[in-house]
C-alpha atoms as a PDB file:
ATOM      1  CA  MET A   1      -9.036  90.360 -49.984  1.00  0.00           C
ATOM      2  CA  LYS A   2      -8.210  91.543 -53.461  1.00  0.00           C
ATOM      3  CA  PHE A   3      -9.408  89.318 -56.257  1.00  0.00           C
ATOM      4  CA  GLU A   4      -8.310  89.189 -59.915  1.00  0.00           C
ATOM      5  CA  THR A   5     -11.227  87.470 -61.664  1.00  0.00           C
ATOM      6  CA  ILE A   6     -14.160  88.390 -59.524  1.00  0.00           C
ATOM      7  CA  GLU A   7     -15.319  91.493 -57.668  1.00  0.00           C
ATOM      8  CA  VAL A   8     -16.981  91.490 -54.261  1.00  0.00           C
ATOM      9  CA  ASN A   9     -19.014  94.567 -53.053  1.00  0.00           C
ATOM     10  CA  ARG A  10     -20.781  94.830 -49.764  1.00  0.00           C
ATOM     11  CA  ARG A  11     -23.737  97.163 -49.263  1.00  0.00           C
ATOM     12  CA  GLY A  12     -25.247  96.814 -45.855  1.00  0.00           C
ATOM     13  CA  ALA A  13     -26.397  93.190 -45.411  1.00  0.00           C
ATOM     14  CA  ILE A  14     -26.128  92.388 -49.123  1.00  0.00           C
ATOM     15  CA  ALA A  15     -22.923  91.188 -50.837  1.00  0.00           C
ATOM     16  CA  THR A  16     -22.689  91.182 -54.661  1.00  0.00           C
ATOM     17  CA  VAL A  17     -20.188  88.802 -56.209  1.00  0.00           C
ATOM     18  CA  THR A  18     -19.457  89.698 -59.888  1.00  0.00           C
ATOM     19  CA  LEU A  19     -17.761  87.325 -62.333  1.00  0.00           C
ATOM     20  CA  ASP A  20     -15.217  89.755 -63.834  1.00  0.00           C
ATOM     21  CA  ARG A  21     -13.737  88.337 -67.028  1.00  0.00           C
ATOM     22  CA  PRO A  22     -15.786  90.123 -69.668  1.00  0.00           C
ATOM     23  CA  PRO A  23     -17.100  89.774 -72.267  1.00  0.00           C
ATOM     24  CA  MET A  24     -18.008  86.189 -71.614  1.00  0.00           C
ATOM     25  CA  ASN A  25     -16.866  85.747 -67.967  1.00  0.00           C
ATOM     26  CA  LEU A  26     -15.411  82.305 -68.734  1.00  0.00           C
ATOM     27  CA  ALA A  27     -14.490  80.005 -65.816  1.00  0.00           C
ATOM     28  CA  THR A  28     -10.982  78.963 -65.064  1.00  0.00           C
ATOM     29  CA  VAL A  29      -9.238  77.284 -62.177  1.00  0.00           C
ATOM     30  CA  ALA A  30      -8.213  80.780 -60.940  1.00  0.00           C
ATOM     31  CA  SER A  31     -11.698  82.213 -61.107  1.00  0.00           C
ATOM     32  CA  LEU A  32     -13.205  79.180 -59.387  1.00  0.00           C
ATOM     33  CA  GLU A  33     -10.593  79.353 -56.620  1.00  0.00           C
ATOM     34  CA  GLU A  34     -11.443  82.950 -56.084  1.00  0.00           C
ATOM     35  CA  LEU A  35     -15.214  82.348 -56.143  1.00  0.00           C
ATOM     36  CA  SER A  36     -14.848  79.469 -53.664  1.00  0.00           C
ATOM     37  CA  GLN A  37     -12.867  81.711 -51.322  1.00  0.00           C
ATOM     38  CA  ALA A  38     -15.405  84.568 -51.605  1.00  0.00           C
ATOM     39  CA  LEU A  39     -18.262  82.316 -50.864  1.00  0.00           C
ATOM     40  CA  ALA A  40     -16.399  80.904 -47.745  1.00  0.00           C
ATOM     41  CA  ASP A  41     -15.669  84.483 -46.557  1.00  0.00           C
ATOM     42  CA  LEU A  42     -19.219  85.627 -47.015  1.00  0.00           C
ATOM     43  CA  GLY A  43     -20.629  82.540 -45.333  1.00  0.00           C
ATOM     44  CA  ALA A  44     -18.548  83.426 -42.260  1.00  0.00           C
ATOM     45  CA  ASP A  45     -19.569  87.055 -42.293  1.00  0.00           C
ATOM     46  CA  ASN A  46     -22.494  87.489 -39.842  1.00  0.00           C
ATOM     47  CA  ASP A  47     -23.133  90.977 -41.212  1.00  0.00           C
ATOM     48  CA  ILE A  48     -24.054  89.584 -44.660  1.00  0.00           C
ATOM     49  CA  ARG A  49     -27.471  88.055 -45.080  1.00  0.00           C
ATOM     50  CA  VAL A  50     -27.876  87.793 -48.811  1.00  0.00           C
ATOM     51  CA  VAL A  51     -25.463  87.076 -51.607  1.00  0.00           C
ATOM     52  CA  VAL A  52     -26.081  88.150 -55.238  1.00  0.00           C
ATOM     53  CA  LEU A  53     -24.049  86.409 -57.990  1.00  0.00           C
ATOM     54  CA  THR A  54     -23.805  88.057 -61.413  1.00  0.00           C
ATOM     55  CA  GLY A  55     -21.552  88.587 -64.386  1.00  0.00           C
ATOM     56  CA  ARG A  56     -19.753  91.710 -65.715  1.00  0.00           C
ATOM     57  CA  GLY A  57     -21.457  93.258 -68.722  1.00  0.00           C
ATOM     58  CA  GLU A  58     -24.404  92.422 -71.003  1.00  0.00           C
ATOM     59  CA  ARG A  59     -22.913  89.619 -73.144  1.00  0.00           C
ATOM     60  CA  ALA A  60     -22.816  86.845 -70.580  1.00  0.00           C
ATOM     61  CA  PHE A  61     -23.390  85.831 -67.039  1.00  0.00           C
ATOM     62  CA  CYS A  62     -20.917  83.021 -67.733  1.00  0.00           C
ATOM     63  CA  ALA A  63     -20.567  81.249 -71.029  1.00  0.00           C
ATOM     64  CA  GLY A  64     -18.798  78.247 -69.556  1.00  0.00           C
ATOM     65  CA  ALA A  65     -15.149  77.109 -69.132  1.00  0.00           C
ATOM     66  CA  ASP A  66     -12.347  78.923 -70.887  1.00  0.00           C
ATOM     67  CA  VAL A  67     -11.360  76.196 -73.382  1.00  0.00           C
ATOM     68  CA  ASP A  68      -8.405  78.421 -74.607  1.00  0.00           C
ATOM     69  CA  GLN A  69      -6.747  77.871 -71.226  1.00  0.00           C
ATOM     70  CA  GLY A  70      -6.329  74.264 -72.012  1.00  0.00           C
ATOM     71  CA  GLU A  71      -7.368  73.339 -68.521  1.00  0.00           C
ATOM     72  CA  LEU A  72     -10.240  70.981 -69.585  1.00  0.00           C
ATOM     73  CA  PHE A  73      -7.920  68.482 -71.227  1.00  0.00           C
ATOM     74  CA  ASP A  74      -4.885  68.601 -68.939  1.00  0.00           C
ATOM     75  CA  PRO A  75      -5.329  65.698 -66.492  1.00  0.00           C
ATOM     76  CA  LYS A  76      -4.137  67.654 -63.430  1.00  0.00           C
ATOM     77  CA  ALA A  77      -5.717  70.991 -64.248  1.00  0.00           C
ATOM     78  CA  GLY A  78      -8.951  69.314 -65.507  1.00  0.00           C
ATOM     79  CA  LEU A  79      -9.309  67.457 -62.277  1.00  0.00           C
ATOM     80  CA  ARG A  80      -8.686  70.730 -60.386  1.00  0.00           C
ATOM     81  CA  LEU A  81     -11.339  72.499 -62.501  1.00  0.00           C
ATOM     82  CA  ARG A  82     -13.894  69.774 -61.851  1.00  0.00           C
ATOM     83  CA  THR A  83     -13.177  69.558 -58.138  1.00  0.00           C
ATOM     84  CA  LEU A  84     -13.495  73.388 -57.797  1.00  0.00           C
ATOM     85  CA  GLY A  85     -16.674  73.399 -59.792  1.00  0.00           C
ATOM     86  CA  ARG A  86     -18.261  70.851 -57.516  1.00  0.00           C
ATOM     87  CA  ASP A  87     -16.923  72.780 -54.502  1.00  0.00           C
ATOM     88  CA  VAL A  88     -18.454  76.027 -55.636  1.00  0.00           C
ATOM     89  CA  VAL A  89     -21.817  74.399 -56.320  1.00  0.00           C
ATOM     90  CA  ALA A  90     -21.783  72.754 -52.884  1.00  0.00           C
ATOM     91  CA  LYS A  91     -20.908  76.126 -51.284  1.00  0.00           C
ATOM     92  CA  ILE A  92     -23.744  77.911 -53.083  1.00  0.00           C
ATOM     93  CA  GLU A  93     -26.227  75.302 -51.851  1.00  0.00           C
ATOM     94  CA  GLY A  94     -24.708  74.964 -48.398  1.00  0.00           C
ATOM     95  CA  LEU A  95     -24.454  78.674 -47.639  1.00  0.00           C
ATOM     96  CA  ALA A  96     -26.686  79.513 -44.689  1.00  0.00           C
ATOM     97  CA  LYS A  97     -28.097  82.604 -46.447  1.00  0.00           C
ATOM     98  CA  PRO A  98     -29.931  82.920 -49.782  1.00  0.00           C
ATOM     99  CA  VAL A  99     -27.962  83.327 -53.023  1.00  0.00           C
ATOM    100  CA  ILE A 100     -29.665  85.140 -55.912  1.00  0.00           C
ATOM    101  CA  ALA A 101     -28.312  84.730 -59.420  1.00  0.00           C
ATOM    102  CA  ALA A 102     -28.774  87.830 -61.589  1.00  0.00           C
ATOM    103  CA  ILE A 103     -28.438  86.562 -65.177  1.00  0.00           C
ATOM    104  CA  ASP A 104     -27.904  88.662 -68.350  1.00  0.00           C
ATOM    105  CA  GLY A 105     -26.785  87.429 -71.738  1.00  0.00           C
ATOM    106  CA  TYR A 106     -25.460  83.907 -72.277  1.00  0.00           C
ATOM    107  CA  CYS A 107     -25.514  81.330 -69.395  1.00  0.00           C
ATOM    108  CA  MET A 108     -23.919  78.302 -70.888  1.00  0.00           C
ATOM    109  CA  GLY A 109     -22.224  75.050 -69.720  1.00  0.00           C
ATOM    110  CA  GLY A 110     -20.427  75.882 -66.493  1.00  0.00           C
ATOM    111  CA  GLY A 111     -22.417  79.114 -66.374  1.00  0.00           C
ATOM    112  CA  THR A 112     -25.576  76.995 -65.771  1.00  0.00           C
ATOM    113  CA  GLY A 113     -23.563  75.091 -63.233  1.00  0.00           C
ATOM    114  CA  LEU A 114     -23.134  78.283 -61.265  1.00  0.00           C
ATOM    115  CA  ALA A 115     -26.502  79.816 -61.833  1.00  0.00           C
ATOM    116  CA  TRP A 116     -28.969  76.915 -61.491  1.00  0.00           C
ATOM    117  CA  PRO A 117     -27.888  75.857 -57.922  1.00  0.00           C
ATOM    118  CA  CYS A 118     -28.621  79.372 -56.636  1.00  0.00           C
ATOM    119  CA  ASP A 119     -31.755  79.740 -54.498  1.00  0.00           C
ATOM    120  CA  ILE A 120     -33.437  82.332 -56.641  1.00  0.00           C
ATOM    121  CA  LYS A 121     -32.579  82.989 -60.326  1.00  0.00           C
ATOM    122  CA  ILE A 122     -33.565  86.287 -62.034  1.00  0.00           C
ATOM    123  CA  ALA A 123     -32.861  86.594 -65.770  1.00  0.00           C
ATOM    124  CA  THR A 124     -33.343  89.304 -68.432  1.00  0.00           C
ATOM    125  CA  GLU A 125     -35.577  88.695 -71.484  1.00  0.00           C
ATOM    126  CA  ARG A 126     -32.475  88.473 -73.670  1.00  0.00           C
ATOM    127  CA  ALA A 127     -30.764  85.829 -71.504  1.00  0.00           C
ATOM    128  CA  LYS A 128     -29.950  82.530 -73.301  1.00  0.00           C
ATOM    129  CA  PHE A 129     -29.368  79.189 -71.561  1.00  0.00           C
ATOM    130  CA  GLY A 130     -27.782  75.930 -72.802  1.00  0.00           C
ATOM    131  CA  ALA A 131     -25.929  72.826 -71.773  1.00  0.00           C
ATOM    132  CA  ARG A 132     -24.410  71.768 -75.054  1.00  0.00           C
ATOM    133  CA  ASP A 133     -21.724  69.393 -73.687  1.00  0.00           C
ATOM    134  CA  PRO A 134     -22.260  66.369 -75.968  1.00  0.00           C
ATOM    135  CA  TYR A 135     -21.975  68.556 -79.062  1.00  0.00           C
ATOM    136  CA  LEU A 136     -18.529  69.640 -77.816  1.00  0.00           C
ATOM    137  CA  GLY A 137     -17.582  65.990 -77.144  1.00  0.00           C
ATOM    138  CA  ILE A 138     -17.668  66.390 -73.366  1.00  0.00           C
ATOM    139  CA  VAL A 139     -20.077  65.903 -70.437  1.00  0.00           C
ATOM    140  CA  PRO A 140     -21.222  68.180 -67.541  1.00  0.00           C
ATOM    141  CA  SER A 141     -18.799  67.820 -64.734  1.00  0.00           C
ATOM    142  CA  TRP A 142     -19.673  69.963 -61.746  1.00  0.00           C
ATOM    143  CA  SER A 143     -22.384  67.635 -60.316  1.00  0.00           C
ATOM    144  CA  VAL A 144     -25.215  69.737 -61.711  1.00  0.00           C
ATOM    145  CA  GLY A 145     -26.298  68.421 -65.077  1.00  0.00           C
ATOM    146  CA  MET A 146     -25.718  64.712 -64.383  1.00  0.00           C
ATOM    147  CA  VAL A 147     -26.264  64.695 -60.645  1.00  0.00           C
ATOM    148  CA  ARG A 148     -28.832  67.413 -59.644  1.00  0.00           C
ATOM    149  CA  LEU A 149     -30.769  68.431 -62.743  1.00  0.00           C
ATOM    150  CA  SER A 150     -33.117  65.358 -62.848  1.00  0.00           C
ATOM    151  CA  ARG A 151     -33.997  65.948 -59.172  1.00  0.00           C
ATOM    152  CA  TRP A 152     -34.985  69.603 -60.014  1.00  0.00           C
ATOM    153  CA  ILE A 153     -36.998  69.164 -63.189  1.00  0.00           C
ATOM    154  CA  GLY A 154     -37.499  65.420 -63.588  1.00  0.00           C
ATOM    155  CA  LYS A 155     -35.763  62.778 -65.734  1.00  0.00           C
ATOM    156  CA  ASN A 156     -37.573  63.429 -69.031  1.00  0.00           C
ATOM    157  CA  ARG A 157     -36.954  67.135 -69.038  1.00  0.00           C
ATOM    158  CA  ALA A 158     -33.340  66.736 -67.808  1.00  0.00           C
ATOM    159  CA  MET A 159     -32.606  64.299 -70.640  1.00  0.00           C
ATOM    160  CA  GLU A 160     -33.951  66.591 -73.212  1.00  0.00           C
ATOM    161  CA  VAL A 161     -32.041  69.615 -71.899  1.00  0.00           C
ATOM    162  CA  LEU A 162     -28.759  67.639 -71.701  1.00  0.00           C
ATOM    163  CA  LEU A 163     -28.963  65.564 -74.837  1.00  0.00           C
ATOM    164  CA  MET A 164     -30.577  68.000 -77.252  1.00  0.00           C
ATOM    165  CA  GLY A 165     -28.251  70.870 -76.240  1.00  0.00           C
ATOM    166  CA  GLU A 166     -30.572  73.524 -77.614  1.00  0.00           C
ATOM    167  CA  PHE A 167     -30.400  77.183 -76.700  1.00  0.00           C
ATOM    168  CA  MET A 168     -33.271  78.132 -74.242  1.00  0.00           C
ATOM    169  CA  SER A 169     -34.773  81.565 -73.890  1.00  0.00           C
ATOM    170  CA  ALA A 170     -35.351  82.963 -70.432  1.00  0.00           C
ATOM    171  CA  ALA A 171     -39.021  82.199 -70.776  1.00  0.00           C
ATOM    172  CA  GLU A 172     -38.369  78.581 -71.785  1.00  0.00           C
ATOM    173  CA  ALA A 173     -35.968  78.155 -68.859  1.00  0.00           C
ATOM    174  CA  LYS A 174     -38.652  79.580 -66.511  1.00  0.00           C
ATOM    175  CA  SER A 175     -41.245  77.176 -67.858  1.00  0.00           C
ATOM    176  CA  LEU A 176     -38.898  74.270 -66.824  1.00  0.00           C
ATOM    177  CA  GLY A 177     -38.400  75.720 -63.394  1.00  0.00           C
ATOM    178  CA  LEU A 178     -34.705  76.521 -64.007  1.00  0.00           C
ATOM    179  CA  ILE A 179     -35.131  80.201 -63.265  1.00  0.00           C
ATOM    180  CA  SER A 180     -37.500  82.074 -60.947  1.00  0.00           C
ATOM    181  CA  ARG A 181     -38.321  85.312 -62.754  1.00  0.00           C
ATOM    182  CA  VAL A 182     -37.848  87.040 -66.132  1.00  0.00           C
ATOM    183  CA  VAL A 183     -37.498  90.801 -66.180  1.00  0.00           C
ATOM    184  CA  ALA A 184     -36.825  93.524 -68.665  1.00  0.00           C
ATOM    185  CA  ASN A 185     -33.250  93.966 -69.750  1.00  0.00           C
ATOM    186  CA  ASP A 186     -32.725  97.224 -68.033  1.00  0.00           C
ATOM    187  CA  GLU A 187     -34.451  96.130 -64.833  1.00  0.00           C
ATOM    188  CA  LEU A 188     -32.287  93.203 -63.823  1.00  0.00           C
ATOM    189  CA  MET A 189     -30.248  94.731 -60.950  1.00  0.00           C
ATOM    190  CA  ALA A 190     -33.052  96.899 -59.649  1.00  0.00           C
ATOM    191  CA  GLU A 191     -35.366  93.812 -59.342  1.00  0.00           C
ATOM    192  CA  THR A 192     -32.545  91.784 -57.908  1.00  0.00           C
ATOM    193  CA  MET A 193     -31.650  94.313 -55.212  1.00  0.00           C
ATOM    194  CA  GLU A 194     -35.248  94.833 -54.331  1.00  0.00           C
ATOM    195  CA  MET A 195     -35.608  91.095 -53.701  1.00  0.00           C
ATOM    196  CA  ALA A 196     -32.283  90.990 -51.896  1.00  0.00           C
ATOM    197  CA  GLU A 197     -33.424  93.846 -49.595  1.00  0.00           C
ATOM    198  CA  ARG A 198     -36.573  91.957 -48.731  1.00  0.00           C
ATOM    199  CA  LEU A 199     -34.646  88.769 -47.961  1.00  0.00           C
ATOM    200  CA  ALA A 200     -32.158  90.760 -45.805  1.00  0.00           C
ATOM    201  CA  GLY A 201     -35.031  91.732 -43.582  1.00  0.00           C
ATOM    202  CA  ALA A 202     -35.987  88.095 -42.779  1.00  0.00           C
ATOM    203  CA  ALA A 203     -34.872  86.285 -39.688  1.00  0.00           C
ATOM    204  CA  PRO A 204     -31.450  84.695 -40.533  1.00  0.00           C
ATOM    205  CA  LEU A 205     -31.964  81.513 -38.583  1.00  0.00           C
ATOM    206  CA  ALA A 206     -35.324  80.987 -40.195  1.00  0.00           C
ATOM    207  CA  VAL A 207     -34.022  81.591 -43.716  1.00  0.00           C
ATOM    208  CA  ALA A 208     -31.027  79.298 -43.057  1.00  0.00           C
ATOM    209  CA  GLY A 209     -33.306  76.527 -41.643  1.00  0.00           C
ATOM    210  CA  ILE A 210     -35.705  76.685 -44.573  1.00  0.00           C
ATOM    211  CA  LYS A 211     -32.849  76.495 -47.066  1.00  0.00           C
ATOM    212  CA  LYS A 212     -31.188  73.548 -45.389  1.00  0.00           C
ATOM    213  CA  ALA A 213     -34.475  71.708 -44.924  1.00  0.00           C
ATOM    214  CA  VAL A 214     -35.613  72.173 -48.584  1.00  0.00           C
ATOM    215  CA  ILE A 215     -32.175  71.015 -49.807  1.00  0.00           C
ATOM    216  CA  ARG A 216     -32.286  68.028 -47.552  1.00  0.00           C
ATOM    217  CA  SER A 217     -35.825  67.111 -48.833  1.00  0.00           C
ATOM    218  CA  THR A 218     -34.598  67.408 -52.388  1.00  0.00           C
ATOM    219  CA  TYR A 219     -31.796  64.956 -52.046  1.00  0.00           C
ATOM    220  CA  GLY A 220     -32.861  62.716 -49.199  1.00  0.00           C
ATOM    221  CA  THR A 221     -35.790  60.514 -48.305  1.00  0.00           C
ATOM    222  CA  GLN A 222     -39.048  62.029 -47.057  1.00  0.00           C
ATOM    223  CA  GLU A 223     -38.395  60.482 -43.575  1.00  0.00           C
ATOM    224  CA  GLU A 224     -34.919  62.039 -43.358  1.00  0.00           C
ATOM    225  CA  ALA A 225     -36.323  65.419 -44.493  1.00  0.00           C
ATOM    226  CA  ALA A 226     -39.075  65.312 -41.889  1.00  0.00           C
ATOM    227  CA  ALA A 227     -36.575  64.499 -39.132  1.00  0.00           C
ATOM    228  CA  PHE A 228     -34.347  67.311 -40.190  1.00  0.00           C
ATOM    229  CA  GLU A 229     -37.328  69.641 -40.326  1.00  0.00           C
ATOM    230  CA  GLU A 230     -37.973  68.913 -36.618  1.00  0.00           C
ATOM    231  CA  GLU A 231     -34.292  69.722 -35.857  1.00  0.00           C
ATOM    232  CA  VAL A 232     -34.708  73.074 -37.589  1.00  0.00           C
ATOM    233  CA  CYS A 233     -37.992  73.756 -35.736  1.00  0.00           C
ATOM    234  CA  LEU A 234     -36.396  73.098 -32.399  1.00  0.00           C
ATOM    235  CA  GLU A 235     -33.621  75.588 -33.142  1.00  0.00           C
ATOM    236  CA  VAL A 236     -35.715  78.329 -34.734  1.00  0.00           C
ATOM    237  CA  PHE A 237     -38.720  78.346 -32.416  1.00  0.00           C
ATOM    238  CA  ALA A 238     -36.415  78.643 -29.419  1.00  0.00           C
ATOM    239  CA  SER A 239     -34.529  81.678 -30.849  1.00  0.00           C
ATOM    240  CA  GLU A 240     -34.872  85.316 -29.817  1.00  0.00           C
ATOM    241  CA  ASP A 241     -35.739  86.163 -33.452  1.00  0.00           C
ATOM    242  CA  ALA A 242     -38.843  83.913 -33.226  1.00  0.00           C
ATOM    243  CA  ARG A 243     -40.096  85.682 -30.168  1.00  0.00           C
ATOM    244  CA  GLU A 244     -39.220  89.133 -31.724  1.00  0.00           C
ATOM    245  CA  GLY A 245     -40.934  88.275 -35.064  1.00  0.00           C
ATOM    246  CA  LEU A 246     -44.173  87.281 -33.405  1.00  0.00           C
ATOM    247  CA  LEU A 247     -44.162  90.168 -30.934  1.00  0.00           C
ATOM    248  CA  ALA A 248     -43.459  92.645 -33.727  1.00  0.00           C
ATOM    249  CA  PHE A 249     -46.331  91.201 -35.726  1.00  0.00           C
ATOM    250  CA  SER A 250     -48.749  91.587 -32.783  1.00  0.00           C
ATOM    251  CA  GLU A 251     -47.492  95.087 -32.136  1.00  0.00           C
ATOM    252  CA  LYS A 252     -47.742  96.027 -35.880  1.00  0.00           C
ATOM    253  CA  ARG A 253     -44.203  97.183 -36.228  1.00  0.00           C
ATOM    254  CA  PRO A 254     -41.111  96.008 -38.196  1.00  0.00           C
ATOM    255  CA  ALA A 255     -39.222  93.179 -36.601  1.00  0.00           C
ATOM    256  CA  GLU A 256     -35.584  93.716 -35.582  1.00  0.00           C
ATOM    257  CA  PHE A 257     -33.848  90.402 -36.111  1.00  0.00           C
ATOM    258  CA  LYS A 258     -30.453  89.748 -34.526  1.00  0.00           C
ATOM    259  CA  GLY A 259     -29.711  86.340 -35.966  1.00  0.00           C
ATOM    260  CA  ARG A 260     -29.905  84.493 -32.612  1.00  0.00           C
END
């Protein structure tokens, strides 16, 4: 499928989705519609085992919503933008394969809404993060800042991030647990693809099960999470991949996982 605001490239088992509205890669109804469709397509593609999400150029991963489009304040378009934002966040979390965010430059507002839900976040040393909504007279609206953030980093830290609205360096974001790794500016994609290649070699059912169980434990009760963990165990331990992984380990050879 041909997209206008994003680019999707497949290389083996890795798909790279690039937000393609440089220099700031601002989010619009159109770009979120395309991103939602791309994630659905990749989720259904059994040949793809890892998804990388990044932005075009060095200025920004995504600097938020495109206010010049007027969509934020139009009742119909604003609702559509918020609904799509929540849909994309849910798709990133719900995808049965890992999603890596490769972040360079500014990651602001809606950009954090796209990056922070990803499973692994790698940022350059020059990356800048911020959720400055109250200083623009608005509030976060994609069920990240006001719904998920306190579960990820705790109430006190979430309140400071959301209310103070200060720019954060990559190092500061890492210290809060909002990103996974900080790399040199010119090493972002090399580091990202190295990690993606490693993840692509893991057993798909096991990766999907871990992702679903961790997300369930984050948002549900401990009892619900433990029950779901057992569901995952029953599925994964009975799979061909589990037998292949253990056999390959004992035979000291690389495992050949089939995703079944």
